[in-house]
N, C-alpha and C. Protein backbone atom coordinates (compact mmCIF):
# COMPACT_ATOMS: atom_id res chain seq x y z
N MET A 1 1.13 -1.39 0.32
CA MET A 1 -0.12 0.00 -0.44
C MET A 1 1.56 0.77 -0.04
N ILE A 2 1.74 1.29 0.80
CA ILE A 2 2.46 2.68 1.13
C ILE A 2 3.43 2.75 -0.16
N GLY A 3 4.01 1.57 -0.91
CA GLY A 3 5.18 2.24 -1.95
C GLY A 3 3.81 2.36 -3.18
N GLU A 4 2.66 2.72 -3.14
CA GLU A 4 2.07 3.25 -4.04
C GLU A 4 1.69 4.85 -3.96
N LEU A 5 2.58 5.09 -3.16
CA LEU A 5 2.25 6.53 -1.96
C LEU A 5 3.27 6.75 -2.94
N MET A 6 4.11 6.71 -2.94
CA MET A 6 5.70 6.89 -3.45
C MET A 6 6.22 6.94 -4.58
N PRO A 7 7.42 7.89 -4.84
CA PRO A 7 7.98 8.55 -6.02
C PRO A 7 9.19 7.54 -6.16
N GLU A 8 9.54 6.74 -7.43
CA GLU A 8 10.54 5.73 -7.38
C GLU A 8 11.89 5.99 -6.84
N THR A 9 11.87 7.34 -6.32
CA THR A 9 13.76 7.53 -5.65
C THR A 9 13.82 6.46 -4.21
N VAL A 10 12.27 6.49 -3.93
CA VAL A 10 12.08 5.51 -2.74
C VAL A 10 11.74 4.48 -2.49
N VAL A 11 12.42 3.66 -1.21
CA VAL A 11 12.16 2.08 -1.58
C VAL A 11 11.07 1.32 -0.94
N CYS A 12 10.36 1.01 -0.75
CA CYS A 12 9.75 0.26 -0.31
C CYS A 12 8.97 -1.08 0.04
N ALA A 13 8.79 -1.57 1.58
CA ALA A 13 8.37 -3.06 1.77
C ALA A 13 7.83 -3.22 2.77
N GLU A 14 6.17 -3.83 2.81
CA GLU A 14 5.24 -4.19 4.06
C GLU A 14 5.20 -5.32 4.37
N ALA A 15 4.48 -5.77 5.17
CA ALA A 15 4.49 -6.57 5.58
C ALA A 15 2.54 -7.08 6.43
N PHE A 16 1.64 -7.80 6.33
CA PHE A 16 0.80 -8.00 7.32
C PHE A 16 0.33 -9.20 8.03
N GLU A 17 1.20 -9.96 7.73
CA GLU A 17 1.76 -10.90 8.93
C GLU A 17 3.53 -10.56 9.15
N ASP A 18 4.03 -11.88 10.76
CA ASP A 18 4.44 -11.01 11.51
C ASP A 18 5.72 -12.13 11.43
N ARG A 19 7.47 -11.51 11.38
CA ARG A 19 8.00 -12.29 10.43
C ARG A 19 8.64 -12.95 12.23
N ASP A 20 9.91 -14.39 11.94
CA ASP A 20 10.36 -14.30 13.47
C ASP A 20 11.48 -13.11 13.87
N GLU A 21 11.65 -13.63 15.45
CA GLU A 21 12.32 -12.60 15.84
C GLU A 21 13.61 -13.14 15.15
N GLU A 22 14.56 -13.98 15.70
CA GLU A 22 15.61 -14.48 14.47
C GLU A 22 16.52 -13.95 13.80
N ALA A 23 15.59 -12.97 13.13
CA ALA A 23 16.02 -12.12 12.26
C ALA A 23 16.71 -10.99 12.98
N LEU A 24 16.04 -10.46 13.84
CA LEU A 24 16.96 -9.33 14.77
C LEU A 24 18.91 -9.70 14.86
N PHE A 25 19.15 -8.22 14.77
CA PHE A 25 20.47 -8.39 15.59
C PHE A 25 20.35 -8.09 17.12
N PRO A 26 22.02 -8.77 17.59
CA PRO A 26 22.20 -9.09 18.28
C PRO A 26 21.81 -7.32 19.48
N GLU A 27 22.32 -6.32 18.92
CA GLU A 27 21.57 -5.07 19.31
C GLU A 27 20.58 -4.79 19.04
N GLU A 28 19.26 -4.91 18.56
CA GLU A 28 18.30 -5.59 18.10
C GLU A 28 17.55 -6.12 19.76
N ARG A 29 18.02 -6.69 19.59
CA ARG A 29 17.12 -7.70 20.91
C ARG A 29 17.46 -7.22 22.12
N ARG A 30 18.88 -7.03 22.89
CA ARG A 30 19.03 -5.95 24.23
C ARG A 30 18.45 -4.96 23.75
N VAL A 31 17.94 -4.10 22.46
CA VAL A 31 16.20 -2.79 22.81
C VAL A 31 15.34 -3.34 23.58
N LEU A 32 14.57 -4.50 23.05
CA LEU A 32 13.48 -5.18 22.89
C LEU A 32 13.65 -5.67 24.69
N GLY A 33 14.92 -5.96 25.27
CA GLY A 33 14.65 -6.57 26.34
C GLY A 33 13.79 -7.52 27.30
N GLN A 34 12.74 -7.31 28.03
CA GLN A 34 11.55 -8.23 28.23
C GLN A 34 10.70 -7.19 27.85
N ALA A 35 10.21 -6.26 26.61
CA ALA A 35 8.66 -5.79 26.51
C ALA A 35 8.03 -7.74 26.26
N VAL A 36 6.97 -6.87 26.17
CA VAL A 36 5.53 -7.46 26.04
C VAL A 36 5.54 -8.63 24.72
N GLU A 37 5.25 -9.08 24.10
CA GLU A 37 4.89 -9.98 23.37
C GLU A 37 4.30 -9.27 21.69
N ARG A 38 3.66 -8.45 21.96
CA ARG A 38 3.27 -7.32 21.18
C ARG A 38 4.16 -5.90 20.48
N ARG A 39 4.84 -5.70 21.31
CA ARG A 39 5.71 -4.84 20.93
C ARG A 39 6.94 -5.78 20.32
N ARG A 40 7.65 -7.45 20.71
CA ARG A 40 8.42 -7.45 19.94
C ARG A 40 7.91 -7.66 18.84
N ARG A 41 6.87 -8.11 18.57
CA ARG A 41 6.50 -8.62 16.89
C ARG A 41 6.59 -7.76 16.78
N GLU A 42 5.74 -6.70 16.63
CA GLU A 42 5.92 -5.41 15.51
C GLU A 42 7.62 -4.54 15.56
N PHE A 43 7.95 -4.14 16.12
CA PHE A 43 9.32 -4.23 16.53
C PHE A 43 10.37 -5.81 15.45
N THR A 44 10.67 -6.88 15.35
CA THR A 44 10.84 -7.42 14.65
C THR A 44 10.83 -7.13 13.42
N THR A 45 9.52 -7.29 13.34
CA THR A 45 8.66 -6.93 11.56
C THR A 45 8.95 -6.17 11.20
N VAL A 46 8.94 -4.81 11.95
CA VAL A 46 9.09 -3.62 10.53
C VAL A 46 10.25 -3.50 10.44
N ARG A 47 11.53 -4.19 11.29
CA ARG A 47 12.80 -4.06 10.69
C ARG A 47 13.11 -5.28 10.39
N ALA A 48 12.28 -6.33 9.84
CA ALA A 48 12.58 -6.64 8.28
C ALA A 48 12.31 -6.20 7.24
N CYS A 49 11.27 -5.29 7.17
CA CYS A 49 10.80 -4.40 5.99
C CYS A 49 12.18 -3.81 5.83
N ALA A 50 12.22 -3.31 7.09
CA ALA A 50 13.75 -2.06 6.72
C ALA A 50 14.64 -3.00 6.34
N ARG A 51 14.98 -3.90 6.00
CA ARG A 51 16.24 -4.49 5.59
C ARG A 51 15.46 -4.70 4.40
N GLN A 52 14.75 -5.18 4.16
CA GLN A 52 14.26 -5.57 2.58
C GLN A 52 14.16 -4.44 1.77
N ALA A 53 13.86 -3.15 2.49
CA ALA A 53 14.41 -1.76 1.32
C ALA A 53 15.28 -1.73 1.86
N LEU A 54 16.31 -1.97 2.36
CA LEU A 54 18.38 -1.73 2.24
C LEU A 54 18.56 -2.26 1.22
N ALA A 55 18.02 -3.63 1.08
CA ALA A 55 18.70 -4.54 -0.23
C ALA A 55 17.99 -3.92 -1.40
N GLY A 56 16.96 -3.16 -1.75
CA GLY A 56 16.61 -2.58 -2.79
C GLY A 56 17.29 -1.57 -3.01
N LEU A 57 17.81 -0.76 -2.31
CA LEU A 57 18.63 0.33 -2.53
C LEU A 57 19.81 -0.23 -2.66
N GLY A 58 20.42 -1.64 -2.35
CA GLY A 58 21.03 -1.98 -2.40
C GLY A 58 22.26 -1.70 -1.61
N LEU A 59 22.18 -2.55 -0.53
CA LEU A 59 22.94 -2.15 0.36
C LEU A 59 22.35 -2.88 1.44
N PRO A 60 23.81 -3.41 2.61
CA PRO A 60 23.53 -4.02 3.20
C PRO A 60 22.78 -4.67 4.34
N PRO A 61 22.37 -5.80 4.85
CA PRO A 61 21.89 -5.58 6.25
C PRO A 61 22.35 -4.55 7.36
N ALA A 62 21.30 -3.91 7.71
CA ALA A 62 21.96 -3.25 9.31
C ALA A 62 21.21 -3.50 10.72
N PRO A 63 21.55 -3.89 11.81
CA PRO A 63 20.69 -3.12 12.92
C PRO A 63 19.71 -1.84 12.77
N VAL A 64 18.99 -1.60 12.68
CA VAL A 64 17.71 0.04 13.04
C VAL A 64 17.52 0.12 13.90
N LEU A 65 18.40 0.67 15.17
CA LEU A 65 18.03 1.35 16.69
C LEU A 65 17.63 2.23 16.52
N PRO A 66 16.64 2.16 18.17
CA PRO A 66 15.98 3.61 18.07
C PRO A 66 17.01 4.87 18.33
N GLY A 67 16.21 6.41 18.25
CA GLY A 67 17.44 7.08 19.00
C GLY A 67 16.39 8.03 19.84
N VAL A 68 16.78 9.39 19.05
CA VAL A 68 15.97 10.18 19.80
C VAL A 68 14.75 10.28 19.13
N ARG A 69 13.82 10.71 20.72
CA ARG A 69 12.52 10.44 20.10
C ARG A 69 11.99 9.01 19.33
N ASN A 70 12.95 8.12 19.80
CA ASN A 70 12.83 7.01 18.94
C ASN A 70 12.68 6.75 17.57
N THR A 71 13.54 8.36 17.37
CA THR A 71 13.58 7.82 15.89
C THR A 71 14.84 7.25 15.18
N PRO A 72 14.48 5.84 14.27
CA PRO A 72 15.57 4.91 13.15
C PRO A 72 16.65 5.62 13.21
N GLN A 73 17.81 5.41 13.71
CA GLN A 73 18.81 5.64 13.61
C GLN A 73 19.59 4.70 12.15
N TRP A 74 19.50 5.13 11.18
CA TRP A 74 19.40 4.57 9.25
C TRP A 74 21.17 4.72 8.69
N PRO A 75 21.58 3.83 8.44
CA PRO A 75 23.05 4.07 7.80
C PRO A 75 23.34 4.81 6.99
N THR A 76 24.70 5.93 6.84
CA THR A 76 25.21 7.02 6.74
C THR A 76 24.46 6.85 5.54
N GLY A 77 23.87 8.21 5.25
CA GLY A 77 23.40 8.62 3.30
C GLY A 77 22.01 7.76 3.44
N VAL A 78 21.51 7.19 4.20
CA VAL A 78 19.97 6.60 4.65
C VAL A 78 18.71 7.41 4.86
N VAL A 79 18.25 7.69 4.94
CA VAL A 79 16.19 8.69 5.37
C VAL A 79 15.93 7.67 5.33
N GLY A 80 14.89 7.54 5.89
CA GLY A 80 13.59 6.87 5.75
C GLY A 80 12.77 6.70 7.03
N SER A 81 11.57 5.74 6.74
CA SER A 81 10.51 5.82 8.36
C SER A 81 10.66 4.46 8.09
N MET A 82 9.10 4.00 9.48
CA MET A 82 8.69 3.19 9.70
C MET A 82 7.18 3.39 10.47
N THR A 83 6.39 2.35 10.16
CA THR A 83 5.47 2.12 10.41
C THR A 83 4.58 1.12 11.18
N HIS A 84 3.94 1.02 12.17
CA HIS A 84 2.98 -0.36 12.44
C HIS A 84 1.95 0.09 13.34
N CYS A 85 0.96 -0.71 12.34
CA CYS A 85 -0.27 -0.58 13.66
C CYS A 85 -0.52 -2.22 14.04
N ASP A 86 -2.03 -2.41 14.11
CA ASP A 86 -2.68 -3.64 13.78
C ASP A 86 -2.60 -4.53 12.29
N GLY A 87 -1.73 -5.09 11.79
CA GLY A 87 -2.21 -6.03 10.82
C GLY A 87 -0.71 -5.82 9.67
N TYR A 88 -0.41 -4.36 10.09
CA TYR A 88 0.77 -3.96 8.87
C TYR A 88 2.00 -2.87 9.18
N ARG A 89 2.95 -3.43 8.99
CA ARG A 89 4.07 -3.14 8.81
C ARG A 89 4.98 -2.59 8.28
N ALA A 90 5.46 -1.25 7.91
CA ALA A 90 6.27 -1.17 6.20
C ALA A 90 6.94 -0.24 6.75
N ALA A 91 8.07 -0.46 5.86
CA ALA A 91 9.58 0.73 6.01
C ALA A 91 9.48 1.71 4.40
N ALA A 92 9.60 3.02 4.31
CA ALA A 92 10.34 3.60 3.60
C ALA A 92 11.66 4.06 2.81
N LEU A 93 12.38 3.57 2.65
CA LEU A 93 13.52 4.01 2.44
C LEU A 93 14.29 4.73 1.54
N ALA A 94 15.51 5.89 1.38
CA ALA A 94 15.58 6.88 0.20
C ALA A 94 17.20 6.43 0.20
N ARG A 95 18.13 6.99 -0.84
CA ARG A 95 19.09 7.75 -0.39
C ARG A 95 19.19 9.01 -0.28
N ALA A 96 20.13 10.10 0.55
CA ALA A 96 20.14 11.03 1.17
C ALA A 96 20.16 11.53 0.27
N SER A 97 20.94 11.10 -0.80
CA SER A 97 20.97 11.97 -2.30
C SER A 97 19.81 12.47 -2.85
N ASP A 98 18.54 11.58 -3.06
CA ASP A 98 17.97 12.04 -3.59
C ASP A 98 17.32 12.59 -2.78
N VAL A 99 16.54 12.49 -1.41
CA VAL A 99 15.37 12.51 -0.45
C VAL A 99 16.24 13.36 0.48
N THR A 100 15.32 14.51 0.76
CA THR A 100 15.92 14.82 2.60
C THR A 100 15.62 14.40 3.11
N ALA A 101 13.49 14.20 3.60
CA ALA A 101 13.49 13.42 4.62
C ALA A 101 11.95 12.68 3.79
N VAL A 102 11.71 11.96 4.92
CA VAL A 102 10.54 10.76 4.24
C VAL A 102 9.31 10.41 5.88
N GLY A 103 8.20 10.68 5.18
CA GLY A 103 7.55 10.35 7.05
C GLY A 103 6.36 9.26 6.12
N ILE A 104 6.85 8.37 6.87
CA ILE A 104 5.31 7.24 6.38
C ILE A 104 4.63 7.48 8.18
N ASP A 105 3.09 7.26 7.97
CA ASP A 105 2.29 6.69 8.88
C ASP A 105 0.95 5.91 8.20
N ALA A 106 0.61 4.52 9.29
CA ALA A 106 -0.31 3.81 9.40
C ALA A 106 -1.21 3.16 10.48
N GLU A 107 -2.77 3.57 9.75
CA GLU A 107 -3.58 3.82 11.41
C GLU A 107 -4.95 2.83 11.37
N PRO A 108 -5.64 2.04 11.94
CA PRO A 108 -6.44 1.28 11.70
C PRO A 108 -7.78 2.38 11.00
N ASP A 109 -8.67 2.06 10.17
CA ASP A 109 -9.37 3.24 9.73
C ASP A 109 -10.81 3.00 10.68
N GLY A 110 -10.83 2.97 11.70
CA GLY A 110 -11.67 3.27 12.47
C GLY A 110 -11.33 4.32 13.30
N PRO A 111 -12.47 5.08 14.08
CA PRO A 111 -12.90 6.09 14.66
C PRO A 111 -11.78 6.30 15.70
N LEU A 112 -11.49 7.90 16.35
CA LEU A 112 -10.64 8.11 17.50
C LEU A 112 -11.18 7.68 18.27
N ARG A 113 -10.27 7.51 20.10
CA ARG A 113 -11.13 7.38 21.05
C ARG A 113 -11.47 8.98 21.70
N PRO A 114 -12.46 9.10 21.83
CA PRO A 114 -13.55 10.28 22.68
C PRO A 114 -11.80 11.18 22.94
N GLY A 115 -12.63 12.48 22.48
CA GLY A 115 -11.16 13.55 23.02
C GLY A 115 -10.00 13.58 22.18
N VAL A 116 -9.12 12.31 21.69
CA VAL A 116 -8.46 12.72 20.57
C VAL A 116 -7.93 13.86 20.26
N LEU A 117 -9.78 14.35 19.13
CA LEU A 117 -9.53 14.85 17.81
C LEU A 117 -9.48 15.91 18.30
N GLU A 118 -10.11 16.35 19.71
CA GLU A 118 -10.12 17.84 19.91
C GLU A 118 -9.07 17.97 19.63
N SER A 119 -8.40 17.42 20.91
CA SER A 119 -6.80 17.35 21.63
C SER A 119 -5.41 17.75 20.42
N ILE A 120 -6.14 17.70 19.40
CA ILE A 120 -4.80 17.19 17.79
C ILE A 120 -4.83 18.38 16.98
N ALA A 121 -6.22 18.78 16.88
CA ALA A 121 -7.16 19.62 15.59
C ALA A 121 -7.44 20.65 16.20
N LEU A 122 -6.62 21.45 15.09
CA LEU A 122 -6.92 22.76 15.38
C LEU A 122 -8.11 23.36 14.49
N PRO A 123 -9.24 24.45 14.48
CA PRO A 123 -10.43 24.56 14.35
C PRO A 123 -10.87 23.91 12.82
N ARG A 124 -10.58 24.93 11.53
CA ARG A 124 -10.41 24.24 10.47
C ARG A 124 -10.64 22.91 10.39
N GLU A 125 -9.18 22.35 11.14
CA GLU A 125 -8.70 20.66 10.97
C GLU A 125 -10.01 19.79 11.07
N LEU A 126 -11.11 20.33 12.85
CA LEU A 126 -11.71 20.12 13.28
C LEU A 126 -13.30 19.97 12.55
N ALA A 127 -13.78 20.99 11.86
CA ALA A 127 -14.40 20.94 11.39
C ALA A 127 -14.95 20.52 9.96
N TRP A 128 -13.15 19.90 9.34
CA TRP A 128 -13.58 19.21 8.38
C TRP A 128 -14.02 17.87 8.55
N ALA A 129 -12.71 17.67 9.81
CA ALA A 129 -13.19 15.76 10.38
C ALA A 129 -14.55 15.18 11.03
N ARG A 130 -15.45 16.39 11.10
CA ARG A 130 -16.77 16.15 11.86
C ARG A 130 -17.96 16.51 10.63
N THR A 131 -17.00 16.94 8.99
CA THR A 131 -18.14 16.54 7.93
C THR A 131 -18.46 15.22 7.52
N ALA A 132 -19.16 14.89 7.18
CA ALA A 132 -19.49 13.82 6.98
C ALA A 132 -18.81 13.09 5.25
N SER A 133 -17.81 12.04 5.23
CA SER A 133 -16.67 11.65 4.18
C SER A 133 -17.94 11.58 3.57
N PRO A 134 -17.84 11.91 1.90
CA PRO A 134 -18.14 10.77 0.47
C PRO A 134 -17.84 10.29 0.42
N VAL A 135 -16.73 9.34 1.04
CA VAL A 135 -16.67 7.97 1.16
C VAL A 135 -16.12 7.53 2.02
N PRO A 136 -16.12 6.08 2.53
CA PRO A 136 -16.22 4.97 3.59
C PRO A 136 -14.79 5.86 3.72
N VAL A 137 -14.68 6.42 4.69
CA VAL A 137 -12.75 6.73 5.31
C VAL A 137 -13.21 7.16 6.71
N HIS A 138 -12.36 7.67 7.94
CA HIS A 138 -12.59 8.13 9.17
C HIS A 138 -12.21 9.16 9.23
N ARG A 139 -12.55 10.15 8.83
CA ARG A 139 -11.47 11.47 9.02
C ARG A 139 -10.89 11.85 9.84
N ASP A 140 -11.67 11.68 11.11
CA ASP A 140 -10.69 12.18 12.43
C ASP A 140 -9.66 11.51 11.99
N ARG A 141 -9.16 10.25 11.83
CA ARG A 141 -8.22 8.85 12.20
C ARG A 141 -7.61 9.38 10.65
N LEU A 142 -7.53 10.09 9.72
CA LEU A 142 -7.25 10.28 8.67
C LEU A 142 -6.01 11.73 8.59
N LEU A 143 -6.49 13.03 9.58
CA LEU A 143 -5.99 13.57 10.17
C LEU A 143 -4.70 13.66 11.11
N PHE A 144 -5.21 12.84 12.10
CA PHE A 144 -4.56 12.10 13.03
C PHE A 144 -2.70 11.60 12.33
N SER A 145 -3.06 10.69 11.06
CA SER A 145 -2.03 10.00 10.24
C SER A 145 -1.33 11.10 9.63
N ALA A 146 -2.30 11.56 9.53
CA ALA A 146 -1.52 13.13 8.18
C ALA A 146 -0.25 13.43 9.44
N LYS A 147 -0.85 14.24 10.63
CA LYS A 147 -0.35 14.75 11.41
C LYS A 147 1.10 13.43 12.31
N GLU A 148 0.65 12.40 12.48
CA GLU A 148 2.11 11.54 12.74
C GLU A 148 3.48 11.84 11.37
N CYS A 149 2.14 12.07 10.49
CA CYS A 149 3.59 11.94 9.23
C CYS A 149 3.64 13.20 9.17
N VAL A 150 3.83 13.74 9.36
CA VAL A 150 4.78 15.31 8.91
C VAL A 150 5.39 15.25 10.60
N TYR A 151 4.82 15.06 11.50
CA TYR A 151 6.61 14.86 12.04
C TYR A 151 7.07 13.46 11.92
N LYS A 152 7.14 12.66 11.73
CA LYS A 152 7.97 12.03 10.90
C LYS A 152 9.27 12.05 10.54
N ALA A 153 8.70 12.91 8.70
CA ALA A 153 8.93 13.93 8.32
C ALA A 153 10.39 15.08 9.00
N TRP A 154 9.29 15.51 9.58
CA TRP A 154 10.42 16.50 10.06
C TRP A 154 11.04 16.01 11.17
N PHE A 155 10.59 15.86 12.33
CA PHE A 155 11.87 15.80 13.44
C PHE A 155 13.58 15.31 12.77
N PRO A 156 13.50 13.83 11.92
CA PRO A 156 14.95 13.61 11.98
C PRO A 156 15.79 14.82 10.75
N MET A 157 15.13 15.72 10.34
CA MET A 157 15.85 16.60 9.41
C MET A 157 16.54 18.16 10.18
N MET A 158 14.76 18.26 11.32
CA MET A 158 15.26 19.49 12.26
C MET A 158 15.45 19.26 13.36
N ARG A 159 15.62 18.40 13.93
CA ARG A 159 16.18 17.46 15.45
C ARG A 159 15.10 18.91 16.36
N SER A 160 14.13 19.25 15.83
CA SER A 160 13.52 19.85 16.66
C SER A 160 11.92 19.57 17.14
N GLU A 161 11.01 19.96 17.73
CA GLU A 161 10.01 19.21 18.61
C GLU A 161 8.43 19.39 17.77
N LEU A 162 7.98 19.60 17.16
CA LEU A 162 6.63 19.99 16.30
C LEU A 162 5.75 18.78 16.64
N ASP A 163 5.04 20.10 17.95
CA ASP A 163 3.15 19.35 18.54
C ASP A 163 2.10 19.63 16.98
N PHE A 164 1.10 18.92 17.79
CA PHE A 164 0.18 19.01 16.49
C PHE A 164 -0.30 20.03 16.01
N GLU A 165 -0.61 21.24 17.17
CA GLU A 165 -1.28 22.14 16.86
C GLU A 165 -0.66 22.73 15.63
N ASP A 166 1.06 23.14 15.88
CA ASP A 166 2.22 23.25 14.09
C ASP A 166 2.06 23.22 13.77
N ALA A 167 0.95 22.30 12.67
CA ALA A 167 0.98 21.87 11.69
C ALA A 167 -0.45 21.95 11.17
N GLU A 168 -1.34 23.19 10.19
CA GLU A 168 -2.69 22.51 9.83
C GLU A 168 -3.23 22.26 8.53
N ILE A 169 -3.46 20.91 8.39
CA ILE A 169 -3.55 20.00 7.29
C ILE A 169 -4.98 20.39 6.36
N THR A 170 -4.58 20.30 5.44
CA THR A 170 -5.95 20.15 4.84
C THR A 170 -6.27 18.73 3.81
N PHE A 171 -7.21 18.07 3.23
CA PHE A 171 -6.91 17.51 2.39
C PHE A 171 -8.11 17.43 1.30
N SER A 172 -7.72 16.32 -0.25
CA SER A 172 -8.31 16.24 -1.20
C SER A 172 -8.28 14.97 -1.28
N GLN A 173 -9.50 14.71 -2.26
CA GLN A 173 -9.80 13.24 -1.70
C GLN A 173 -10.67 12.82 -3.35
N ALA A 174 -10.19 11.62 -3.53
CA ALA A 174 -10.45 10.71 -4.72
C ALA A 174 -11.18 9.74 -4.60
N ALA A 175 -12.36 8.47 -5.29
CA ALA A 175 -12.62 7.31 -4.73
C ALA A 175 -11.24 6.88 -5.07
N GLY A 176 -11.66 6.15 -5.06
CA GLY A 176 -10.61 4.26 -5.10
C GLY A 176 -10.80 3.56 -6.22
N PRO A 177 -10.05 2.26 -6.78
CA PRO A 177 -11.04 1.06 -6.92
C PRO A 177 -11.49 0.24 -5.62
N GLY A 178 -12.64 -0.14 -5.99
CA GLY A 178 -13.46 -1.00 -5.25
C GLY A 178 -14.07 -0.28 -3.88
N PRO A 179 -13.62 -0.72 -2.99
CA PRO A 179 -14.28 0.38 -1.63
C PRO A 179 -12.90 1.42 -0.42
N GLY A 180 -12.58 1.45 -1.90
CA GLY A 180 -11.06 2.20 -1.04
C GLY A 180 -11.20 3.41 -1.48
N ALA A 181 -10.09 4.50 -1.46
CA ALA A 181 -9.65 5.77 -1.29
C ALA A 181 -8.56 6.35 -1.05
N HIS A 182 -8.26 7.37 -1.85
CA HIS A 182 -6.97 7.84 -1.81
C HIS A 182 -6.82 9.50 -2.66
N GLY A 183 -6.32 10.50 -2.25
CA GLY A 183 -6.58 11.27 -2.24
C GLY A 183 -4.35 11.94 -1.96
N ALA A 184 -4.74 13.37 -1.69
CA ALA A 184 -3.95 13.70 -1.33
C ALA A 184 -3.61 14.65 0.04
N PHE A 185 -2.27 15.49 0.51
CA PHE A 185 -3.07 16.44 1.15
C PHE A 185 -1.57 17.33 1.84
N HIS A 186 -2.17 19.08 2.52
CA HIS A 186 -0.88 19.44 2.09
C HIS A 186 -0.56 19.95 3.85
N ALA A 187 0.43 20.38 4.35
CA ALA A 187 0.36 20.45 5.70
C ALA A 187 1.53 21.52 5.83
N ARG A 188 0.49 22.39 6.54
CA ARG A 188 1.28 24.14 6.32
C ARG A 188 1.96 24.19 7.61
N ILE A 189 3.36 24.48 7.88
CA ILE A 189 3.87 24.70 8.65
C ILE A 189 3.77 25.91 9.84
N LEU A 190 3.47 26.08 10.52
CA LEU A 190 2.93 27.70 11.58
C LEU A 190 4.17 27.92 12.18
N ARG A 191 5.32 26.89 12.17
CA ARG A 191 6.38 27.99 12.39
C ARG A 191 7.58 27.85 12.06
N PRO A 192 7.92 27.60 10.51
CA PRO A 192 8.83 27.27 9.53
C PRO A 192 10.32 27.42 10.21
N ALA A 193 10.80 26.50 9.25
CA ALA A 193 12.71 27.11 10.20
C ALA A 193 13.37 25.97 9.00
N ARG A 194 14.53 26.17 8.54
CA ARG A 194 15.68 26.32 7.85
C ARG A 194 16.21 24.35 8.21
N ASN A 195 16.70 23.53 7.34
CA ASN A 195 17.34 22.57 8.51
C ASN A 195 19.09 22.73 7.54
N SER A 196 19.63 21.44 7.65
CA SER A 196 21.22 21.52 7.64
C SER A 196 21.09 22.19 5.53
N LEU A 197 20.39 21.97 5.25
CA LEU A 197 20.24 21.69 4.21
C LEU A 197 20.56 23.38 3.36
N GLY A 198 19.93 23.96 4.18
CA GLY A 198 19.40 25.47 4.21
C GLY A 198 18.82 25.56 3.58
N GLN A 199 17.34 24.18 3.43
CA GLN A 199 16.28 25.21 2.61
C GLN A 199 15.04 25.37 3.28
N GLN A 200 14.28 26.07 3.43
CA GLN A 200 13.57 26.59 3.55
C GLN A 200 12.06 25.86 3.69
N VAL A 201 11.84 24.94 4.84
CA VAL A 201 10.42 24.03 5.66
C VAL A 201 9.09 24.66 6.52
N GLY A 202 8.76 25.32 5.16
CA GLY A 202 7.25 25.81 6.02
C GLY A 202 6.29 24.75 4.84
N SER A 203 6.31 23.74 4.53
CA SER A 203 5.21 23.12 3.92
C SER A 203 5.37 21.59 3.85
N PHE A 204 4.60 20.52 3.67
CA PHE A 204 4.82 19.26 2.88
C PHE A 204 3.77 18.75 2.29
N SER A 205 3.62 18.33 1.27
CA SER A 205 3.08 17.27 0.17
C SER A 205 2.86 16.42 0.20
N GLY A 206 1.73 15.86 0.89
CA GLY A 206 1.84 14.41 0.97
C GLY A 206 1.17 13.40 0.13
N ARG A 207 0.73 12.09 -0.17
CA ARG A 207 -0.59 11.58 -0.39
C ARG A 207 -1.21 10.29 1.02
N TRP A 208 -2.68 9.81 0.32
CA TRP A 208 -2.87 9.14 1.45
C TRP A 208 -4.05 8.35 0.85
N SER A 209 -3.82 6.72 1.50
CA SER A 209 -4.70 6.04 1.04
C SER A 209 -5.21 5.28 1.32
N ALA A 210 -6.43 4.98 1.60
CA ALA A 210 -7.36 4.11 2.17
C ALA A 210 -8.31 2.49 1.65
N ARG A 211 -8.10 1.61 2.31
CA ARG A 211 -7.74 0.71 1.90
C ARG A 211 -7.36 -0.97 2.43
N ARG A 212 -8.55 -2.19 2.37
CA ARG A 212 -8.19 -2.78 3.59
C ARG A 212 -8.03 -3.03 4.94
N GLY A 213 -9.31 -1.31 5.03
CA GLY A 213 -9.59 -1.51 7.35
C GLY A 213 -8.38 -0.89 7.35
N LEU A 214 -7.33 -0.10 6.35
CA LEU A 214 -6.24 0.34 7.44
C LEU A 214 -6.42 2.19 6.24
N LEU A 215 -5.73 2.93 6.96
CA LEU A 215 -5.14 4.47 6.56
C LEU A 215 -3.60 4.50 6.24
N VAL A 216 -3.46 4.66 5.24
CA VAL A 216 -1.56 4.91 5.15
C VAL A 216 -1.87 6.60 5.06
N THR A 217 -0.45 6.86 5.48
CA THR A 217 0.15 8.72 4.66
C THR A 217 0.93 8.32 4.92
N ALA A 218 1.55 9.22 3.43
CA ALA A 218 2.73 9.58 3.26
C ALA A 218 3.22 11.19 2.56
N ILE A 219 4.77 11.67 3.35
CA ILE A 219 5.40 12.18 3.13
C ILE A 219 6.57 11.93 2.36
N VAL A 220 7.00 13.07 1.36
CA VAL A 220 8.41 12.83 1.03
C VAL A 220 8.89 13.83 0.38
N LEU A 221 9.87 14.65 0.74
CA LEU A 221 10.62 15.66 0.67
C LEU A 221 12.21 15.81 -0.39
N ALA A 222 11.75 16.13 -1.58
CA ALA A 222 13.18 15.52 -2.49
C ALA A 222 14.71 16.39 -2.19
N ALA A 223 15.33 16.08 -2.17
CA ALA A 223 16.90 16.34 -2.15
C ALA A 223 16.76 17.98 -2.70
N PRO A 224 17.52 18.92 -2.90
CA PRO A 224 17.79 20.06 -3.43
C PRO A 224 18.86 20.26 -4.42
N SER A 225 18.12 19.67 -5.50
CA SER A 225 18.82 19.87 -6.78
C SER A 225 20.43 20.33 -6.95
């Protein structure tokens, strides 16, 4: 699903079933420690996806350890993002010479818990999320996913926090094949800044898809030519 939202410069891998824990590097097993079974499954499988994507870039397998704010630590010269939710794991990677930032997020296509929407949405976003959708997609969850996606693209590149209220999201929507839907979104950063490459980052353009009971969102910021 996630690969359909990406340009050719980004290599994606996804899984709908979990992988065996033996595929982990020793360093990754140490990070897991005494984690519960659910955490172990998602941690293991999303890293198997990451190594599949590394292979797609022509790179050898490598451990993927969590860094500051759990941001994945990629091999030198690689940028990427990982996501997992019930029934889905994915990784998206690119060479830093082609792409400055990648953000992906996956969520179950169901309503948010009571009170969550009000805690993440700006007034115009709240009005949009509460408007009936012409296709069967939970708008509140789609908004949440897009905001998560923005943060995953922002933080590894900028190394600064971005709160839910610091990005305003607007969506476009189109009917997709069968029961699904797809579209695009635009994120306006309300406190823009420059990254280490000198790019002024004041907005992101992203894409989204809804299918198989899942919502996926993706952002790619191309490297400056």
